[in-house]
Amino acid sequence: MTLDEKLDLFYNSAIEDATKQSVEMIEEYKKSLESVYEEHKREANQKAELTLSTETQKLIQKKNKTLSIENLDFKRRLNEKMTELKKILFTDVQKKLEHFMNTPEYENLLVKQIVYALQFSKGNEIQIYINPTDADKKTSLEEKTGATLTVSKIDFIGGTRAVIHEKNILIDRSFLTKMEEEKDIFSL
């Protein structure tokens, strides 16, 4: 082998070895980059999932807060409307009661209430009150029932109240009490 052939052989061998090493280095570098890329991709996906989850929770909380505020506002407006309608209704009832109190049926009702109170007392001392607006009916009611009546100093709209002191019993058949009871239990 001549020197030129030896040089060519050495050159080709060196180039081949360098090329082989270069390819191996490139492959290792490529694998290293792919590994770094996969790790970066995995971290980016985890970060994106965490951000998505966090933002989703924030949106759900914001939606729930908005719904809660709207619900409270709706309930407040509904309650105001119900209170307004209840007030209108009981004002109308009171007007009808006032109208009823000017009828003979009202005096008959008072007679029934007085007679009931007398029977309930079973001979015990009883004090029966009528409303100040019914003072003009006192004499007529006393004649019809045989009871001694007292005109109350407190306005209870209409009806009667009776007290049996010996037994600490109050018989309250006043319109005021009945209306207050109805207002307390009334709902739309």
C-alpha atoms as a PDB file:
ATOM      1  CA  MET A   1       0.000   0.000   0.000  1.00  0.00           C
ATOM      2  CA  THR A   2       1.277   3.312  -0.913  1.00  0.00           C
ATOM      3  CA  LEU A   3       1.331   6.284   1.262  1.00  0.00           C
ATOM      4  CA  ASP A   4      -1.475   7.929  -0.637  1.00  0.00           C
ATOM      5  CA  GLU A   5      -3.604   4.846  -0.291  1.00  0.00           C
ATOM      6  CA  LYS A   6      -2.796   4.675   3.387  1.00  0.00           C
ATOM      7  CA  LEU A   7      -3.663   8.339   3.736  1.00  0.00           C
ATOM      8  CA  ASP A   8      -6.927   7.821   1.848  1.00  0.00           C
ATOM      9  CA  LEU A   9      -7.737   4.811   4.007  1.00  0.00           C
ATOM     10  CA  PHE A  10      -6.919   6.751   7.169  1.00  0.00           C
ATOM     11  CA  TYR A  11      -8.846   9.745   5.887  1.00  0.00           C
ATOM     12  CA  ASN A  12     -11.895   7.647   4.980  1.00  0.00           C
ATOM     13  CA  SER A  13     -11.654   5.794   8.274  1.00  0.00           C
ATOM     14  CA  ALA A  14     -11.364   9.060  10.213  1.00  0.00           C
ATOM     15  CA  ILE A  15     -14.233  10.635   8.276  1.00  0.00           C
ATOM     16  CA  GLU A  16     -16.333   7.520   8.732  1.00  0.00           C
ATOM     17  CA  ASP A  17     -15.570   7.427  12.467  1.00  0.00           C
ATOM     18  CA  ALA A  18     -16.215  11.185  12.803  1.00  0.00           C
ATOM     19  CA  THR A  19     -19.465  10.826  10.876  1.00  0.00           C
ATOM     20  CA  LYS A  20     -20.469   7.876  13.088  1.00  0.00           C
ATOM     21  CA  GLN A  21     -19.625   9.842  16.245  1.00  0.00           C
ATOM     22  CA  SER A  22     -21.413  12.892  14.868  1.00  0.00           C
ATOM     23  CA  VAL A  23     -24.530  10.853  14.109  1.00  0.00           C
ATOM     24  CA  GLU A  24     -24.384   9.305  17.595  1.00  0.00           C
ATOM     25  CA  MET A  25     -23.970  12.734  19.196  1.00  0.00           C
ATOM     26  CA  ILE A  26     -26.802  14.132  17.145  1.00  0.00           C
ATOM     27  CA  GLU A  27     -29.022  11.170  18.131  1.00  0.00           C
ATOM     28  CA  GLU A  28     -28.121  11.635  21.821  1.00  0.00           C
ATOM     29  CA  TYR A  29     -28.736  15.377  21.551  1.00  0.00           C
ATOM     30  CA  LYS A  30     -32.013  14.689  19.737  1.00  0.00           C
ATOM     31  CA  LYS A  31     -33.075  12.218  22.468  1.00  0.00           C
ATOM     32  CA  SER A  32     -32.061  14.733  25.138  1.00  0.00           C
ATOM     33  CA  LEU A  33     -34.068  17.478  23.411  1.00  0.00           C
ATOM     34  CA  GLU A  34     -37.050  15.156  23.011  1.00  0.00           C
ATOM     35  CA  SER A  35     -36.833  14.292  26.724  1.00  0.00           C
ATOM     36  CA  VAL A  36     -36.630  17.999  27.648  1.00  0.00           C
ATOM     37  CA  TYR A  37     -39.537  18.694  25.240  1.00  0.00           C
ATOM     38  CA  GLU A  38     -41.700  15.920  26.744  1.00  0.00           C
ATOM     39  CA  GLU A  39     -40.938  17.145  30.279  1.00  0.00           C
ATOM     40  CA  HIS A  40     -41.740  20.740  29.273  1.00  0.00           C
ATOM     41  CA  LYS A  41     -44.924  19.573  27.526  1.00  0.00           C
ATOM     42  CA  ARG A  42     -45.980  17.573  30.617  1.00  0.00           C
ATOM     43  CA  GLU A  43     -45.318  20.549  32.925  1.00  0.00           C
ATOM     44  CA  ALA A  44     -47.132  22.915  30.554  1.00  0.00           C
ATOM     45  CA  ASN A  45     -50.144  20.545  30.430  1.00  0.00           C
ATOM     46  CA  GLN A  46     -50.198  20.263  34.231  1.00  0.00           C
ATOM     47  CA  LYS A  47     -49.960  24.034  34.532  1.00  0.00           C
ATOM     48  CA  ALA A  48     -52.736  24.476  31.940  1.00  0.00           C
ATOM     49  CA  GLU A  49     -54.957  21.923  33.732  1.00  0.00           C
ATOM     50  CA  LEU A  50     -54.362  23.655  37.069  1.00  0.00           C
ATOM     51  CA  THR A  51     -55.125  27.066  35.538  1.00  0.00           C
ATOM     52  CA  LEU A  52     -58.236  25.677  33.865  1.00  0.00           C
ATOM     53  CA  SER A  53     -59.394  24.088  37.117  1.00  0.00           C
ATOM     54  CA  THR A  54     -58.711  27.275  39.103  1.00  0.00           C
ATOM     55  CA  GLU A  55     -60.466  29.509  36.574  1.00  0.00           C
ATOM     56  CA  THR A  56     -63.394  27.085  36.374  1.00  0.00           C
ATOM     57  CA  GLN A  57     -63.762  27.213  40.166  1.00  0.00           C
ATOM     58  CA  LYS A  58     -63.575  31.013  40.103  1.00  0.00           C
ATOM     59  CA  LEU A  59     -66.288  31.157  37.437  1.00  0.00           C
ATOM     60  CA  ILE A  60     -68.494  28.723  39.376  1.00  0.00           C
ATOM     61  CA  GLN A  61     -68.045  30.771  42.560  1.00  0.00           C
ATOM     62  CA  LYS A  62     -68.779  33.992  40.676  1.00  0.00           C
ATOM     63  CA  LYS A  63     -71.896  32.419  39.126  1.00  0.00           C
ATOM     64  CA  ASN A  64     -73.046  31.120  42.528  1.00  0.00           C
ATOM     65  CA  LYS A  65     -72.456  34.513  44.121  1.00  0.00           C
ATOM     66  CA  THR A  66     -74.395  36.252  41.349  1.00  0.00           C
ATOM     67  CA  LEU A  67     -77.227  33.713  41.644  1.00  0.00           C
ATOM     68  CA  SER A  68     -77.275  34.135  45.413  1.00  0.00           C
ATOM     69  CA  ILE A  69     -77.445  37.935  45.116  1.00  0.00           C
ATOM     70  CA  GLU A  70     -80.193  37.692  42.494  1.00  0.00           C
ATOM     71  CA  ASN A  71     -82.073  35.160  44.616  1.00  0.00           C
ATOM     72  CA  LEU A  72     -81.877  37.413  47.688  1.00  0.00           C
ATOM     73  CA  ASP A  73     -82.997  40.404  45.634  1.00  0.00           C
ATOM     74  CA  PHE A  74     -85.893  38.389  44.209  1.00  0.00           C
ATOM     75  CA  LYS A  75     -86.921  37.213  47.685  1.00  0.00           C
ATOM     76  CA  ARG A  76     -86.695  40.780  49.000  1.00  0.00           C
ATOM     77  CA  ARG A  77     -88.872  42.118  46.174  1.00  0.00           C
ATOM     78  CA  LEU A  78     -91.306  39.211  46.590  1.00  0.00           C
ATOM     79  CA  ASN A  79     -91.494  39.850  50.327  1.00  0.00           C
ATOM     80  CA  GLU A  80     -92.100  43.564  49.746  1.00  0.00           C
ATOM     81  CA  LYS A  81     -94.890  42.761  47.277  1.00  0.00           C
ATOM     82  CA  MET A  82     -96.420  40.204  49.647  1.00  0.00           C
ATOM     83  CA  THR A  83     -96.289  42.730  52.495  1.00  0.00           C
ATOM     84  CA  GLU A  84     -97.919  45.331  50.271  1.00  0.00           C
ATOM     85  CA  LEU A  85    -100.664  42.907  49.181  1.00  0.00           C
ATOM     86  CA  LYS A  86    -101.169  41.746  52.772  1.00  0.00           C
ATOM     87  CA  LYS A  87    -101.542  45.358  53.894  1.00  0.00           C
ATOM     88  CA  ILE A  88    -104.071  46.035  51.123  1.00  0.00           C
ATOM     89  CA  LEU A  89    -105.970  42.863  51.990  1.00  0.00           C
ATOM     90  CA  PHE A  90    -106.193  43.611  55.712  1.00  0.00           C
ATOM     91  CA  THR A  91    -107.114  47.237  55.032  1.00  0.00           C
ATOM     92  CA  ASP A  92    -109.961  45.914  52.896  1.00  0.00           C
ATOM     93  CA  VAL A  93    -110.940  43.459  55.650  1.00  0.00           C
ATOM     94  CA  GLN A  94    -110.962  46.279  58.191  1.00  0.00           C
ATOM     95  CA  LYS A  95    -113.233  48.356  55.926  1.00  0.00           C
ATOM     96  CA  LYS A  96    -115.586  45.403  55.586  1.00  0.00           C
ATOM     97  CA  LEU A  97    -115.541  44.949  59.365  1.00  0.00           C
ATOM     98  CA  GLU A  98    -116.417  48.621  59.834  1.00  0.00           C
ATOM     99  CA  HIS A  99    -119.273  48.181  57.392  1.00  0.00           C
ATOM    100  CA  PHE A 100    -120.382  44.986  59.200  1.00  0.00           C
ATOM    101  CA  MET A 101    -120.308  46.822  62.537  1.00  0.00           C
ATOM    102  CA  ASN A 102    -123.109  49.076  61.272  1.00  0.00           C
ATOM    103  CA  THR A 103    -125.475  46.156  60.604  1.00  0.00           C
ATOM    104  CA  PRO A 104    -127.987  44.431  62.894  1.00  0.00           C
ATOM    105  CA  GLU A 105    -125.974  41.193  62.448  1.00  0.00           C
ATOM    106  CA  TYR A 106    -123.080  42.809  64.334  1.00  0.00           C
ATOM    107  CA  GLU A 107    -125.273  43.538  67.349  1.00  0.00           C
ATOM    108  CA  ASN A 108    -126.511  39.919  67.205  1.00  0.00           C
ATOM    109  CA  LEU A 109    -122.870  38.762  67.199  1.00  0.00           C
ATOM    110  CA  LEU A 110    -122.135  40.873  70.277  1.00  0.00           C
ATOM    111  CA  VAL A 111    -125.156  39.374  72.034  1.00  0.00           C
ATOM    112  CA  LYS A 112    -123.903  35.837  71.233  1.00  0.00           C
ATOM    113  CA  GLN A 113    -120.400  36.672  72.505  1.00  0.00           C
ATOM    114  CA  ILE A 114    -121.766  38.165  75.746  1.00  0.00           C
ATOM    115  CA  VAL A 115    -124.073  35.195  76.339  1.00  0.00           C
ATOM    116  CA  TYR A 116    -121.166  32.800  75.694  1.00  0.00           C
ATOM    117  CA  ALA A 117    -118.953  34.675  78.192  1.00  0.00           C
ATOM    118  CA  LEU A 118    -121.734  34.570  80.815  1.00  0.00           C
ATOM    119  CA  GLN A 119    -122.234  30.837  80.305  1.00  0.00           C
ATOM    120  CA  PHE A 120    -118.478  30.198  80.383  1.00  0.00           C
ATOM    121  CA  SER A 121    -118.137  32.024  83.698  1.00  0.00           C
ATOM    122  CA  LYS A 122    -120.567  29.542  85.328  1.00  0.00           C
ATOM    123  CA  GLY A 123    -121.722  32.083  87.871  1.00  0.00           C
ATOM    124  CA  ASN A 124    -118.266  33.471  88.678  1.00  0.00           C
ATOM    125  CA  GLU A 125    -117.893  37.236  88.688  1.00  0.00           C
ATOM    126  CA  ILE A 126    -117.150  38.388  85.148  1.00  0.00           C
ATOM    127  CA  GLN A 127    -116.363  41.768  83.670  1.00  0.00           C
ATOM    128  CA  ILE A 128    -117.359  42.111  80.012  1.00  0.00           C
ATOM    129  CA  TYR A 129    -115.901  44.888  77.869  1.00  0.00           C
ATOM    130  CA  ILE A 130    -117.253  46.318  74.646  1.00  0.00           C
ATOM    131  CA  ASN A 131    -115.318  48.537  72.266  1.00  0.00           C
ATOM    132  CA  PRO A 132    -115.568  52.360  72.666  1.00  0.00           C
ATOM    133  CA  THR A 133    -117.132  52.541  69.198  1.00  0.00           C
ATOM    134  CA  ASP A 134    -119.979  50.348  70.499  1.00  0.00           C
ATOM    135  CA  ALA A 135    -120.811  52.591  73.473  1.00  0.00           C
ATOM    136  CA  ASP A 136    -124.105  53.545  71.797  1.00  0.00           C
ATOM    137  CA  LYS A 137    -125.141  49.852  71.841  1.00  0.00           C
ATOM    138  CA  LYS A 138    -124.380  49.355  75.566  1.00  0.00           C
ATOM    139  CA  THR A 139    -127.919  49.845  76.871  1.00  0.00           C
ATOM    140  CA  SER A 140    -129.476  47.678  74.162  1.00  0.00           C
ATOM    141  CA  LEU A 141    -126.928  44.895  74.733  1.00  0.00           C
ATOM    142  CA  GLU A 142    -127.422  44.992  78.511  1.00  0.00           C
ATOM    143  CA  GLU A 143    -131.182  44.687  78.024  1.00  0.00           C
ATOM    144  CA  LYS A 144    -130.839  41.743  75.631  1.00  0.00           C
ATOM    145  CA  THR A 145    -128.285  39.827  77.742  1.00  0.00           C
ATOM    146  CA  GLY A 146    -128.923  40.910  81.312  1.00  0.00           C
ATOM    147  CA  ALA A 147    -125.163  41.517  81.720  1.00  0.00           C
ATOM    148  CA  THR A 148    -123.502  44.622  83.078  1.00  0.00           C
ATOM    149  CA  LEU A 149    -121.120  45.849  80.395  1.00  0.00           C
ATOM    150  CA  THR A 150    -118.090  48.118  80.615  1.00  0.00           C
ATOM    151  CA  VAL A 151    -116.972  50.340  77.758  1.00  0.00           C
ATOM    152  CA  SER A 152    -113.264  49.691  77.303  1.00  0.00           C
ATOM    153  CA  LYS A 153    -110.765  52.549  77.309  1.00  0.00           C
ATOM    154  CA  ILE A 154    -108.712  50.598  74.777  1.00  0.00           C
ATOM    155  CA  ASP A 155    -109.913  50.402  71.172  1.00  0.00           C
ATOM    156  CA  PHE A 156    -109.991  46.780  70.020  1.00  0.00           C
ATOM    157  CA  ILE A 157    -111.933  47.554  66.806  1.00  0.00           C
ATOM    158  CA  GLY A 158    -115.024  45.510  67.731  1.00  0.00           C
ATOM    159  CA  GLY A 159    -116.239  42.345  69.389  1.00  0.00           C
ATOM    160  CA  THR A 160    -115.941  41.728  73.132  1.00  0.00           C
ATOM    161  CA  ARG A 161    -113.438  40.947  75.831  1.00  0.00           C
ATOM    162  CA  ALA A 162    -114.302  39.385  79.148  1.00  0.00           C
ATOM    163  CA  VAL A 163    -112.274  38.789  82.298  1.00  0.00           C
ATOM    164  CA  ILE A 164    -112.999  36.267  85.031  1.00  0.00           C
ATOM    165  CA  HIS A 165    -110.706  37.590  87.758  1.00  0.00           C
ATOM    166  CA  GLU A 166    -111.118  34.648  90.153  1.00  0.00           C
ATOM    167  CA  LYS A 167    -109.705  32.223  87.591  1.00  0.00           C
ATOM    168  CA  ASN A 168    -107.383  34.641  85.720  1.00  0.00           C
ATOM    169  CA  ILE A 169    -109.209  33.950  82.458  1.00  0.00           C
ATOM    170  CA  LEU A 170    -109.426  36.357  79.538  1.00  0.00           C
ATOM    171  CA  ILE A 171    -112.003  35.636  76.854  1.00  0.00           C
ATOM    172  CA  ASP A 172    -110.819  37.701  73.943  1.00  0.00           C
ATOM    173  CA  ARG A 173    -113.200  37.761  71.007  1.00  0.00           C
ATOM    174  CA  SER A 174    -112.131  41.164  69.788  1.00  0.00           C
ATOM    175  CA  PHE A 175    -111.702  41.910  66.109  1.00  0.00           C
ATOM    176  CA  LEU A 176    -108.252  43.387  66.776  1.00  0.00           C
ATOM    177  CA  THR A 177    -106.955  40.133  68.268  1.00  0.00           C
ATOM    178  CA  LYS A 178    -108.526  38.044  65.514  1.00  0.00           C
ATOM    179  CA  MET A 179    -107.005  40.263  62.821  1.00  0.00           C
ATOM    180  CA  GLU A 180    -103.565  40.149  64.475  1.00  0.00           C
ATOM    181  CA  GLU A 181    -103.768  36.352  64.701  1.00  0.00           C
ATOM    182  CA  GLU A 182    -104.715  36.145  61.042  1.00  0.00           C
ATOM    183  CA  LYS A 183    -101.908  38.520  60.040  1.00  0.00           C
ATOM    184  CA  ASP A 184     -99.421  36.332  61.893  1.00  0.00           C
ATOM    185  CA  ILE A 185    -100.490  33.107  60.194  1.00  0.00           C
ATOM    186  CA  PHE A 186    -101.485  34.566  56.816  1.00  0.00           C
ATOM    187  CA  SER A 187     -99.290  33.832  53.822  1.00  0.00           C
ATOM    188  CA  LEU A 188     -99.784  34.176  50.095  1.00  0.00           C
END
